[in-house]
Amino acid sequence: NRNRARIKFMIAKLGIEEFRKLVEEERRILPHDDRWTSYIPYVDSTQ
């Protein structure tokens, strides 16, 4: 149902606590990616 496919409807249905639990579980199993933090040392140089 395209009319109910935005994430706002999913969170309203699950509740924020259940959604947070699902995201944290997903975060624990994510394969490491160097891009997650490789840009941070250069943040100030982009000013």
All heavy atoms as atom14 arrays in JSON, in Angstrom:
{
  "sequence": "NRNRARIKFMIAKLGIEEFRKLVEEERRILPHDDRWTSYIPYVDSTQ",
  "atom14_mask": [
    [1, 1, 1, 1, 1, 1, 1, 1, 0, 0, 0, 0, 0, 0],
    [1, 1, 1, 1, 1, 1, 1, 1, 1, 1, 1, 0, 0, 0],
    [1, 1, 1, 1, 1, 1, 1, 1, 0, 0, 0, 0, 0, 0],
    [1, 1, 1, 1, 1, 1, 1, 1, 1, 1, 1, 0, 0, 0],
    [1, 1, 1, 1, 1, 0, 0, 0, 0, 0, 0, 0, 0, 0],
    [1, 1, 1, 1, 1, 1, 1, 1, 1, 1, 1, 0, 0, 0],
    [1, 1, 1, 1, 1, 1, 1, 1, 0, 0, 0, 0, 0, 0],
    [1, 1, 1, 1, 1, 1, 1, 1, 1, 0, 0, 0, 0, 0],
    [1, 1, 1, 1, 1, 1, 1, 1, 1, 1, 1, 0, 0, 0],
    [1, 1, 1, 1, 1, 1, 1, 1, 0, 0, 0, 0, 0, 0],
    [1, 1, 1, 1, 1, 1, 1, 1, 0, 0, 0, 0, 0, 0],
    [1, 1, 1, 1, 1, 0, 0, 0, 0, 0, 0, 0, 0, 0],
    [1, 1, 1, 1, 1, 1, 1, 1, 1, 0, 0, 0, 0, 0],
    [1, 1, 1, 1, 1, 1, 1, 1, 0, 0, 0, 0, 0, 0],
    [1, 1, 1, 1, 0, 0, 0, 0, 0, 0, 0, 0, 0, 0],
    [1, 1, 1, 1, 1, 1, 1, 1, 0, 0, 0, 0, 0, 0],
    [1, 1, 1, 1, 1, 1, 1, 1, 1, 0, 0, 0, 0, 0],
    [1, 1, 1, 1, 1, 1, 1, 1, 1, 0, 0, 0, 0, 0],
    [1, 1, 1, 1, 1, 1, 1, 1, 1, 1, 1, 0, 0, 0],
    [1, 1, 1, 1, 1, 1, 1, 1, 1, 1, 1, 0, 0, 0],
    [1, 1, 1, 1, 1, 1, 1, 1, 1, 0, 0, 0, 0, 0],
    [1, 1, 1, 1, 1, 1, 1, 1, 0, 0, 0, 0, 0, 0],
    [1, 1, 1, 1, 1, 1, 1, 0, 0, 0, 0, 0, 0, 0],
    [1, 1, 1, 1, 1, 1, 1, 1, 1, 0, 0, 0, 0, 0],
    [1, 1, 1, 1, 1, 1, 1, 1, 1, 0, 0, 0, 0, 0],
    [1, 1, 1, 1, 1, 1, 1, 1, 1, 0, 0, 0, 0, 0],
    [1, 1, 1, 1, 1, 1, 1, 1, 1, 1, 1, 0, 0, 0],
    [1, 1, 1, 1, 1, 1, 1, 1, 1, 1, 1, 0, 0, 0],
    [1, 1, 1, 1, 1, 1, 1, 1, 0, 0, 0, 0, 0, 0],
    [1, 1, 1, 1, 1, 1, 1, 1, 0, 0, 0, 0, 0, 0],
    [1, 1, 1, 1, 1, 1, 1, 0, 0, 0, 0, 0, 0, 0],
    [1, 1, 1, 1, 1, 1, 1, 1, 1, 1, 0, 0, 0, 0],
    [1, 1, 1, 1, 1, 1, 1, 1, 0, 0, 0, 0, 0, 0],
    [1, 1, 1, 1, 1, 1, 1, 1, 0, 0, 0, 0, 0, 0],
    [1, 1, 1, 1, 1, 1, 1, 1, 1, 1, 1, 0, 0, 0],
    [1, 1, 1, 1, 1, 1, 1, 1, 1, 1, 1, 1, 1, 1],
    [1, 1, 1, 1, 1, 1, 1, 0, 0, 0, 0, 0, 0, 0],
    [1, 1, 1, 1, 1, 1, 0, 0, 0, 0, 0, 0, 0, 0],
    [1, 1, 1, 1, 1, 1, 1, 1, 1, 1, 1, 1, 0, 0],
    [1, 1, 1, 1, 1, 1, 1, 1, 0, 0, 0, 0, 0, 0],
    [1, 1, 1, 1, 1, 1, 1, 0, 0, 0, 0, 0, 0, 0],
    [1, 1, 1, 1, 1, 1, 1, 1, 1, 1, 1, 1, 0, 0],
    [1, 1, 1, 1, 1, 1, 1, 0, 0, 0, 0, 0, 0, 0],
    [1, 1, 1, 1, 1, 1, 1, 1, 0, 0, 0, 0, 0, 0],
    [1, 1, 1, 1, 1, 1, 0, 0, 0, 0, 0, 0, 0, 0],
    [1, 1, 1, 1, 1, 1, 1, 0, 0, 0, 0, 0, 0, 0],
    [1, 1, 1, 1, 1, 1, 1, 1, 1, 0, 0, 0, 0, 0]
  ],
  "atom14_positions": [
    [[0.85, -1.19, 0.0], [0.0, 0.0, 0.0], [0.89, 1.25, 0.0], [1.43, 1.64, 1.02], [-0.92, -0.01, 1.23], [-1.88, 1.18, 1.24], [-1.8, 2.07, 0.4], [-2.78, 1.2, 2.2], [0.0, 0.0, 0.0], [0.0, 0.0, 0.0], [0.0, 0.0, 0.0], [0.0, 0.0, 0.0], [0.0, 0.0, 0.0], [0.0, 0.0, 0.0]],
    [[1.01, 1.87, -1.15], [1.9, 3.03, -1.3], [1.51, 4.17, -0.36], [2.37, 4.91, 0.13], [1.86, 3.49, -2.76], [2.79, 4.65, -3.08], [2.74, 4.94, -4.58], [3.5, 6.13, -4.93], [4.81, 6.14, -5.09], [5.51, 5.03, -4.95], [5.44, 7.26, -5.42], [0.0, 0.0, 0.0], [0.0, 0.0, 0.0], [0.0, 0.0, 0.0]],
    [[0.23, 4.3, -0.09], [-0.24, 5.4, 0.75], [0.17, 5.24, 2.22], [0.06, 6.19, 2.99], [-1.76, 5.54, 0.65], [-2.2, 5.99, -0.72], [-1.51, 6.75, -1.39], [-3.36, 5.5, -1.16], [0.0, 0.0, 0.0], [0.0, 0.0, 0.0], [0.0, 0.0, 0.0], [0.0, 0.0, 0.0], [0.0, 0.0, 0.0], [0.0, 0.0, 0.0]],
    [[0.62, 4.03, 2.59], [1.01, 3.79, 3.98], [2.47, 3.37, 4.07], [2.89, 2.78, 5.07], [0.13, 2.68, 4.58], [-1.34, 2.94, 4.53], [-1.8, 4.01, 5.48], [-1.61, 3.64, 6.87], [-1.94, 4.42, 7.9], [-2.45, 5.62, 7.68], [-1.75, 4.02, 9.13], [0.0, 0.0, 0.0], [0.0, 0.0, 0.0], [0.0, 0.0, 0.0]],
    [[3.25, 3.67, 3.05], [4.61, 3.13, 2.96], [5.69, 4.06, 3.48], [6.87, 3.7, 3.42], [4.92, 2.74, 1.5], [0.0, 0.0, 0.0], [0.0, 0.0, 0.0], [0.0, 0.0, 0.0], [0.0, 0.0, 0.0], [0.0, 0.0, 0.0], [0.0, 0.0, 0.0], [0.0, 0.0, 0.0], [0.0, 0.0, 0.0], [0.0, 0.0, 0.0]],
    [[5.35, 5.22, 4.03], [6.37, 6.09, 4.62], [6.75, 5.56, 6.0], [5.96, 4.9, 6.68], [5.84, 7.52, 4.74], [5.55, 8.2, 3.42], [6.8, 8.47, 2.59], [7.7, 9.43, 3.21], [7.61, 10.75, 3.03], [6.66, 11.26, 2.26], [8.48, 11.57, 3.61], [0.0, 0.0, 0.0], [0.0, 0.0, 0.0], [0.0, 0.0, 0.0]],
    [[7.94, 5.9, 6.44], [8.43, 5.36, 7.71], [7.6, 5.88, 8.89], [7.52, 5.23, 9.94], [9.92, 5.68, 7.9], [10.52, 4.79, 9.0], [10.14, 7.16, 8.18], [12.03, 4.9, 9.12], [0.0, 0.0, 0.0], [0.0, 0.0, 0.0], [0.0, 0.0, 0.0], [0.0, 0.0, 0.0], [0.0, 0.0, 0.0], [0.0, 0.0, 0.0]],
    [[6.93, 7.01, 8.74], [6.12, 7.54, 9.84], [5.0, 6.58, 10.22], [4.67, 6.42, 11.4], [5.54, 8.92, 9.47], [4.64, 8.93, 8.26], [4.24, 10.35, 7.88], [3.38, 10.37, 6.62], [3.06, 11.76, 6.21], [0.0, 0.0, 0.0], [0.0, 0.0, 0.0], [0.0, 0.0, 0.0], [0.0, 0.0, 0.0], [0.0, 0.0, 0.0]],
    [[4.43, 5.89, 9.23], [3.36, 4.93, 9.52], [3.92, 3.68, 10.19], [3.29, 3.11, 11.08], [2.63, 4.57, 8.23], [1.93, 5.72, 7.59], [2.34, 6.21, 6.37], [0.84, 6.33, 8.2], [1.7, 7.28, 5.76], [0.19, 7.41, 7.61], [0.62, 7.88, 6.39], [0.0, 0.0, 0.0], [0.0, 0.0, 0.0], [0.0, 0.0, 0.0]],
    [[5.11, 3.27, 9.77], [5.74, 2.1, 10.37], [6.05, 2.34, 11.84], [5.79, 1.49, 12.7], [7.03, 1.76, 9.6], [7.68, 0.46, 10.04], [9.23, 0.17, 9.16], [10.37, 1.06, 10.2], [0.0, 0.0, 0.0], [0.0, 0.0, 0.0], [0.0, 0.0, 0.0], [0.0, 0.0, 0.0], [0.0, 0.0, 0.0], [0.0, 0.0, 0.0]],
    [[6.6, 3.53, 12.15], [6.96, 3.84, 13.54], [5.7, 4.02, 14.38], [5.66, 3.59, 15.55], [7.86, 5.09, 13.59], [9.22, 4.76, 12.95], [8.04, 5.58, 15.02], [10.15, 5.93, 12.84], [0.0, 0.0, 0.0], [0.0, 0.0, 0.0], [0.0, 0.0, 0.0], [0.0, 0.0, 0.0], [0.0, 0.0, 0.0], [0.0, 0.0, 0.0]],
    [[4.67, 4.62, 13.8], [3.41, 4.77, 14.54], [2.82, 3.41, 14.88], [2.24, 3.22, 15.96], [2.42, 5.59, 13.72], [0.0, 0.0, 0.0], [0.0, 0.0, 0.0], [0.0, 0.0, 0.0], [0.0, 0.0, 0.0], [0.0, 0.0, 0.0], [0.0, 0.0, 0.0], [0.0, 0.0, 0.0], [0.0, 0.0, 0.0], [0.0, 0.0, 0.0]],
    [[3.0, 2.45, 13.99], [2.47, 1.1, 14.22], [3.31, 0.33, 15.23], [2.77, -0.31, 16.14], [2.41, 0.36, 12.88], [1.87, -1.06, 12.99], [1.84, -1.73, 11.62], [1.33, -3.16, 11.71], [1.31, -3.81, 10.37], [0.0, 0.0, 0.0], [0.0, 0.0, 0.0], [0.0, 0.0, 0.0], [0.0, 0.0, 0.0], [0.0, 0.0, 0.0]],
    [[4.64, 0.38, 15.07], [5.53, -0.38, 15.95], [5.69, 0.26, 17.32], [5.86, -0.43, 18.33], [6.91, -0.51, 15.31], [7.04, -1.36, 14.05], [8.46, -1.26, 13.51], [6.69, -2.81, 14.34], [0.0, 0.0, 0.0], [0.0, 0.0, 0.0], [0.0, 0.0, 0.0], [0.0, 0.0, 0.0], [0.0, 0.0, 0.0], [0.0, 0.0, 0.0]],
    [[5.7, 1.6, 17.35], [6.08, 2.32, 18.55], [7.57, 2.63, 18.5], [8.36, 1.84, 17.97], [0.0, 0.0, 0.0], [0.0, 0.0, 0.0], [0.0, 0.0, 0.0], [0.0, 0.0, 0.0], [0.0, 0.0, 0.0], [0.0, 0.0, 0.0], [0.0, 0.0, 0.0], [0.0, 0.0, 0.0], [0.0, 0.0, 0.0], [0.0, 0.0, 0.0]],
    [[7.97, 3.75, 19.07], [9.37, 4.18, 18.97], [10.31, 3.22, 19.69], [11.45, 2.99, 19.25], [9.54, 5.62, 19.5], [10.95, 6.15, 19.21], [9.21, 5.7, 20.97], [11.28, 6.29, 17.77], [0.0, 0.0, 0.0], [0.0, 0.0, 0.0], [0.0, 0.0, 0.0], [0.0, 0.0, 0.0], [0.0, 0.0, 0.0], [0.0, 0.0, 0.0]],
    [[9.87, 2.6, 20.78], [10.74, 1.7, 21.53], [11.06, 0.44, 20.71], [12.21, -0.01, 20.65], [10.09, 1.31, 22.86], [9.95, 2.46, 23.85], [11.29, 3.05, 24.24], [12.31, 2.32, 24.23], [11.34, 4.26, 24.54], [0.0, 0.0, 0.0], [0.0, 0.0, 0.0], [0.0, 0.0, 0.0], [0.0, 0.0, 0.0], [0.0, 0.0, 0.0]],
    [[10.04, -0.13, 20.08], [10.25, -1.31, 19.27], [11.11, -0.98, 18.05], [11.99, -1.76, 17.66], [8.9, -1.9, 18.82], [9.0, -3.12, 17.92], [9.66, -4.32, 18.59], [9.71, -4.37, 19.85], [10.13, -5.22, 17.86], [0.0, 0.0, 0.0], [0.0, 0.0, 0.0], [0.0, 0.0, 0.0], [0.0, 0.0, 0.0], [0.0, 0.0, 0.0]],
    [[10.85, 0.18, 17.46], [11.66, 0.59, 16.31], [13.12, 0.77, 16.71], [14.03, 0.31, 16.02], [11.11, 1.9, 15.73], [11.94, 2.46, 14.6], [11.89, 1.89, 13.34], [12.79, 3.53, 14.81], [12.66, 2.4, 12.3], [13.57, 4.05, 13.78], [13.5, 3.48, 12.52], [0.0, 0.0, 0.0], [0.0, 0.0, 0.0], [0.0, 0.0, 0.0]],
    [[13.34, 1.41, 17.86], [14.71, 1.61, 18.33], [15.41, 0.27, 18.58], [16.59, 0.09, 18.26], [14.69, 2.45, 19.61], [16.08, 2.89, 20.09], [16.01, 3.68, 21.39], [15.37, 4.97, 21.2], [14.21, 5.33, 21.75], [13.54, 4.45, 22.51], [13.72, 6.53, 21.56], [0.0, 0.0, 0.0], [0.0, 0.0, 0.0], [0.0, 0.0, 0.0]],
    [[14.67, -0.68, 19.11], [15.22, -2.01, 19.36], [15.64, -2.68, 18.05], [16.74, -3.26, 17.96], [14.18, -2.87, 20.07], [14.61, -4.31, 20.33], [13.48, -5.11, 20.97], [13.86, -6.58, 21.11], [12.72, -7.38, 21.65], [0.0, 0.0, 0.0], [0.0, 0.0, 0.0], [0.0, 0.0, 0.0], [0.0, 0.0, 0.0], [0.0, 0.0, 0.0]],
    [[14.82, -2.59, 17.02], [15.14, -3.18, 15.73], [16.38, -2.54, 15.11], [17.25, -3.22, 14.56], [13.96, -3.04, 14.77], [12.72, -3.86, 15.06], [11.58, -3.47, 14.12], [13.02, -5.36, 14.95], [0.0, 0.0, 0.0], [0.0, 0.0, 0.0], [0.0, 0.0, 0.0], [0.0, 0.0, 0.0], [0.0, 0.0, 0.0], [0.0, 0.0, 0.0]],
    [[16.48, -1.22, 15.24], [17.63, -0.5, 14.67], [18.91, -0.88, 15.41], [19.96, -1.1, 14.79], [17.39, 1.02, 14.71], [18.66, 1.77, 14.31], [16.24, 1.41, 13.79], [0.0, 0.0, 0.0], [0.0, 0.0, 0.0], [0.0, 0.0, 0.0], [0.0, 0.0, 0.0], [0.0, 0.0, 0.0], [0.0, 0.0, 0.0], [0.0, 0.0, 0.0]],
    [[18.84, -0.96, 16.74], [20.03, -1.3, 17.52], [20.5, -2.73, 17.21], [21.7, -3.0, 17.16], [19.74, -1.13, 19.0], [19.62, 0.35, 19.4], [19.16, 0.54, 20.82], [18.81, -0.48, 21.48], [19.12, 1.7, 21.28], [0.0, 0.0, 0.0], [0.0, 0.0, 0.0], [0.0, 0.0, 0.0], [0.0, 0.0, 0.0], [0.0, 0.0, 0.0]],
    [[19.54, -3.63, 17.02], [19.91, -5.0, 16.62], [20.59, -5.0, 15.26], [21.57, -5.71, 15.04], [18.66, -5.89, 16.59], [18.08, -6.2, 17.96], [16.77, -6.95, 17.88], [16.24, -7.08, 16.74], [16.25, -7.39, 18.93], [0.0, 0.0, 0.0], [0.0, 0.0, 0.0], [0.0, 0.0, 0.0], [0.0, 0.0, 0.0], [0.0, 0.0, 0.0]],
    [[20.08, -4.2, 14.34], [20.66, -4.1, 13.0], [22.05, -3.49, 13.07], [22.97, -3.93, 12.37], [19.74, -3.25, 12.11], [19.96, -3.44, 10.63], [19.51, -4.8, 10.13], [18.41, -5.24, 10.49], [20.28, -5.43, 9.38], [0.0, 0.0, 0.0], [0.0, 0.0, 0.0], [0.0, 0.0, 0.0], [0.0, 0.0, 0.0], [0.0, 0.0, 0.0]],
    [[22.2, -2.5, 13.93], [23.5, -1.84, 14.06], [24.57, -2.82, 14.52], [25.73, -2.77, 14.06], [23.39, -0.67, 15.06], [24.71, -0.03, 15.48], [25.36, 0.68, 14.31], [26.66, 1.24, 14.66], [27.82, 0.65, 14.47], [27.86, -0.58, 13.94], [28.95, 1.23, 14.79], [0.0, 0.0, 0.0], [0.0, 0.0, 0.0], [0.0, 0.0, 0.0]],
    [[24.22, -3.73, 15.41], [25.2, -4.68, 15.96], [25.72, -5.65, 14.91], [26.84, -6.15, 15.02], [24.58, -5.45, 17.14], [24.5, -4.63, 18.42], [24.18, -5.51, 19.62], [22.82, -6.01, 19.6], [21.78, -5.38, 20.13], [21.97, -4.2, 20.73], [20.56, -5.89, 20.08], [0.0, 0.0, 0.0], [0.0, 0.0, 0.0], [0.0, 0.0, 0.0]],
    [[24.92, -5.93, 13.89], [25.35, -6.92, 12.91], [25.87, -6.28, 11.62], [26.24, -6.99, 10.68], [24.19, -7.89, 12.56], [23.03, -7.14, 11.9], [23.74, -8.65, 13.81], [21.95, -8.06, 11.35], [0.0, 0.0, 0.0], [0.0, 0.0, 0.0], [0.0, 0.0, 0.0], [0.0, 0.0, 0.0], [0.0, 0.0, 0.0], [0.0, 0.0, 0.0]],
    [[25.93, -4.96, 11.58], [26.43, -4.29, 10.37], [27.92, -4.57, 10.16], [28.72, -4.41, 11.09], [26.24, -2.77, 10.47], [24.88, -2.17, 10.13], [24.94, -0.66, 10.28], [24.45, -2.54, 8.73], [0.0, 0.0, 0.0], [0.0, 0.0, 0.0], [0.0, 0.0, 0.0], [0.0, 0.0, 0.0], [0.0, 0.0, 0.0], [0.0, 0.0, 0.0]],
    [[28.31, -4.96, 8.96], [29.75, -5.1, 8.67], [30.42, -3.74, 8.76], [29.86, -2.73, 8.3], [29.78, -5.63, 7.23], [28.4, -6.14, 6.96], [27.47, -5.34, 7.8], [0.0, 0.0, 0.0], [0.0, 0.0, 0.0], [0.0, 0.0, 0.0], [0.0, 0.0, 0.0], [0.0, 0.0, 0.0], [0.0, 0.0, 0.0], [0.0, 0.0, 0.0]],
    [[31.61, -3.68, 9.33], [32.29, -2.4, 9.51], [32.57, -1.75, 8.15], [32.9, -2.41, 7.17], [33.6, -2.58, 10.27], [34.38, -1.31, 10.41], [34.03, -0.33, 11.31], [35.47, -0.85, 9.73], [34.87, 0.68, 11.21], [35.76, 0.4, 10.25], [0.0, 0.0, 0.0], [0.0, 0.0, 0.0], [0.0, 0.0, 0.0], [0.0, 0.0, 0.0]],
    [[32.42, -0.43, 8.11], [32.69, 0.34, 6.9], [33.55, 1.54, 7.29], [33.14, 2.36, 8.12], [31.37, 0.82, 6.28], [31.55, 1.38, 4.88], [32.62, 1.97, 4.61], [30.62, 1.27, 4.06], [0.0, 0.0, 0.0], [0.0, 0.0, 0.0], [0.0, 0.0, 0.0], [0.0, 0.0, 0.0], [0.0, 0.0, 0.0], [0.0, 0.0, 0.0]],
    [[34.74, 1.63, 6.72], [35.65, 2.73, 7.06], [35.05, 4.1, 6.77], [35.43, 5.1, 7.38], [36.96, 2.59, 6.28], [37.82, 1.44, 6.78], [37.62, 1.02, 7.94], [38.69, 0.97, 6.02], [0.0, 0.0, 0.0], [0.0, 0.0, 0.0], [0.0, 0.0, 0.0], [0.0, 0.0, 0.0], [0.0, 0.0, 0.0], [0.0, 0.0, 0.0]],
    [[34.1, 4.15, 5.83], [33.5, 5.44, 5.47], [32.68, 6.04, 6.61], [32.38, 7.24, 6.58], [32.61, 5.27, 4.24], [33.37, 4.93, 2.96], [32.41, 4.74, 1.81], [31.51, 3.61, 2.03], [30.44, 3.35, 1.29], [30.11, 4.15, 0.29], [29.68, 2.28, 1.55], [0.0, 0.0, 0.0], [0.0, 0.0, 0.0], [0.0, 0.0, 0.0]],
    [[32.3, 5.21, 7.58], [31.52, 5.73, 8.7], [32.21, 6.91, 9.39], [31.54, 7.85, 9.81], [31.28, 4.63, 9.73], [30.32, 3.57, 9.29], [29.44, 3.62, 8.26], [30.15, 2.28, 9.89], [28.72, 2.45, 8.16], [29.14, 1.61, 9.15], [30.75, 1.62, 10.96], [28.72, 0.32, 9.47], [30.32, 0.34, 11.28], [29.32, -0.3, 10.54]],
    [[33.51, 6.84, 9.51], [34.22, 7.88, 10.27], [35.4, 8.51, 9.5], [36.04, 9.41, 10.03], [34.76, 7.3, 11.59], [35.58, 6.16, 11.3], [33.62, 6.89, 12.51], [0.0, 0.0, 0.0], [0.0, 0.0, 0.0], [0.0, 0.0, 0.0], [0.0, 0.0, 0.0], [0.0, 0.0, 0.0], [0.0, 0.0, 0.0], [0.0, 0.0, 0.0]],
    [[35.68, 8.04, 8.3], [36.88, 8.52, 7.61], [36.84, 10.0, 7.29], [37.88, 10.64, 7.13], [37.08, 7.72, 6.31], [35.96, 7.87, 5.45], [0.0, 0.0, 0.0], [0.0, 0.0, 0.0], [0.0, 0.0, 0.0], [0.0, 0.0, 0.0], [0.0, 0.0, 0.0], [0.0, 0.0, 0.0], [0.0, 0.0, 0.0], [0.0, 0.0, 0.0]],
    [[35.65, 10.59, 7.2], [35.53, 12.0, 6.86], [35.71, 12.93, 8.06], [36.03, 14.12, 7.92], [34.16, 12.29, 6.23], [33.02, 12.21, 7.24], [32.51, 13.35, 7.85], [32.46, 10.98, 7.61], [31.48, 13.29, 8.77], [31.44, 10.9, 8.53], [30.95, 12.06, 9.11], [29.94, 11.97, 10.04], [0.0, 0.0, 0.0], [0.0, 0.0, 0.0]],
    [[35.53, 12.39, 9.27], [35.49, 13.23, 10.48], [36.78, 14.01, 10.72], [36.72, 15.21, 11.06], [35.1, 12.37, 11.71], [33.65, 11.89, 11.56], [35.25, 13.18, 13.0], [33.16, 10.98, 12.65], [0.0, 0.0, 0.0], [0.0, 0.0, 0.0], [0.0, 0.0, 0.0], [0.0, 0.0, 0.0], [0.0, 0.0, 0.0], [0.0, 0.0, 0.0]],
    [[37.97, 13.43, 10.55], [39.19, 14.21, 10.78], [39.32, 15.42, 9.84], [40.1, 16.34, 10.14], [40.32, 13.2, 10.51], [39.69, 11.86, 10.74], [38.29, 12.01, 10.26], [0.0, 0.0, 0.0], [0.0, 0.0, 0.0], [0.0, 0.0, 0.0], [0.0, 0.0, 0.0], [0.0, 0.0, 0.0], [0.0, 0.0, 0.0], [0.0, 0.0, 0.0]],
    [[38.57, 15.42, 8.74], [38.7, 16.5, 7.76], [37.55, 17.51, 7.81], [37.47, 18.39, 6.96], [38.78, 15.89, 6.35], [39.87, 14.85, 6.23], [39.57, 13.49, 6.26], [41.21, 15.23, 6.12], [40.56, 12.53, 6.17], [42.21, 14.27, 6.04], [41.88, 12.92, 6.05], [42.87, 11.98, 5.97], [0.0, 0.0, 0.0], [0.0, 0.0, 0.0]],
    [[36.69, 17.36, 8.81], [35.53, 18.25, 8.9], [35.95, 19.71, 8.99], [35.42, 20.58, 8.29], [34.65, 17.86, 10.11], [33.71, 18.99, 10.48], [33.85, 16.6, 9.8], [0.0, 0.0, 0.0], [0.0, 0.0, 0.0], [0.0, 0.0, 0.0], [0.0, 0.0, 0.0], [0.0, 0.0, 0.0], [0.0, 0.0, 0.0], [0.0, 0.0, 0.0]],
    [[36.9, 20.01, 9.84], [37.31, 21.4, 10.02], [37.96, 21.98, 8.76], [37.87, 23.18, 8.5], [38.27, 21.54, 11.21], [37.57, 21.27, 12.54], [36.33, 21.43, 12.59], [38.26, 20.9, 13.51], [0.0, 0.0, 0.0], [0.0, 0.0, 0.0], [0.0, 0.0, 0.0], [0.0, 0.0, 0.0], [0.0, 0.0, 0.0], [0.0, 0.0, 0.0]],
    [[38.61, 21.14, 7.98], [39.29, 21.62, 6.78], [38.3, 21.97, 5.67], [38.68, 22.59, 4.67], [40.28, 20.58, 6.25], [39.61, 19.41, 5.82], [0.0, 0.0, 0.0], [0.0, 0.0, 0.0], [0.0, 0.0, 0.0], [0.0, 0.0, 0.0], [0.0, 0.0, 0.0], [0.0, 0.0, 0.0], [0.0, 0.0, 0.0], [0.0, 0.0, 0.0]],
    [[37.04, 21.58, 5.83], [36.04, 21.88, 4.81], [35.33, 23.2, 5.09], [34.42, 23.57, 4.34], [34.99, 20.76, 4.73], [34.27, 20.68, 5.99], [35.63, 19.42, 4.43], [0.0, 0.0, 0.0], [0.0, 0.0, 0.0], [0.0, 0.0, 0.0], [0.0, 0.0, 0.0], [0.0, 0.0, 0.0], [0.0, 0.0, 0.0], [0.0, 0.0, 0.0]],
    [[35.72, 23.88, 6.15], [35.05, 25.13, 6.5], [35.24, 26.16, 5.4], [36.28, 26.25, 4.76], [35.6, 25.67, 7.82], [35.37, 24.76, 9.02], [33.91, 24.51, 9.28], [33.12, 25.44, 9.4], [33.52, 23.24, 9.36], [0.0, 0.0, 0.0], [0.0, 0.0, 0.0], [0.0, 0.0, 0.0], [0.0, 0.0, 0.0], [0.0, 0.0, 0.0]]
  ]
}
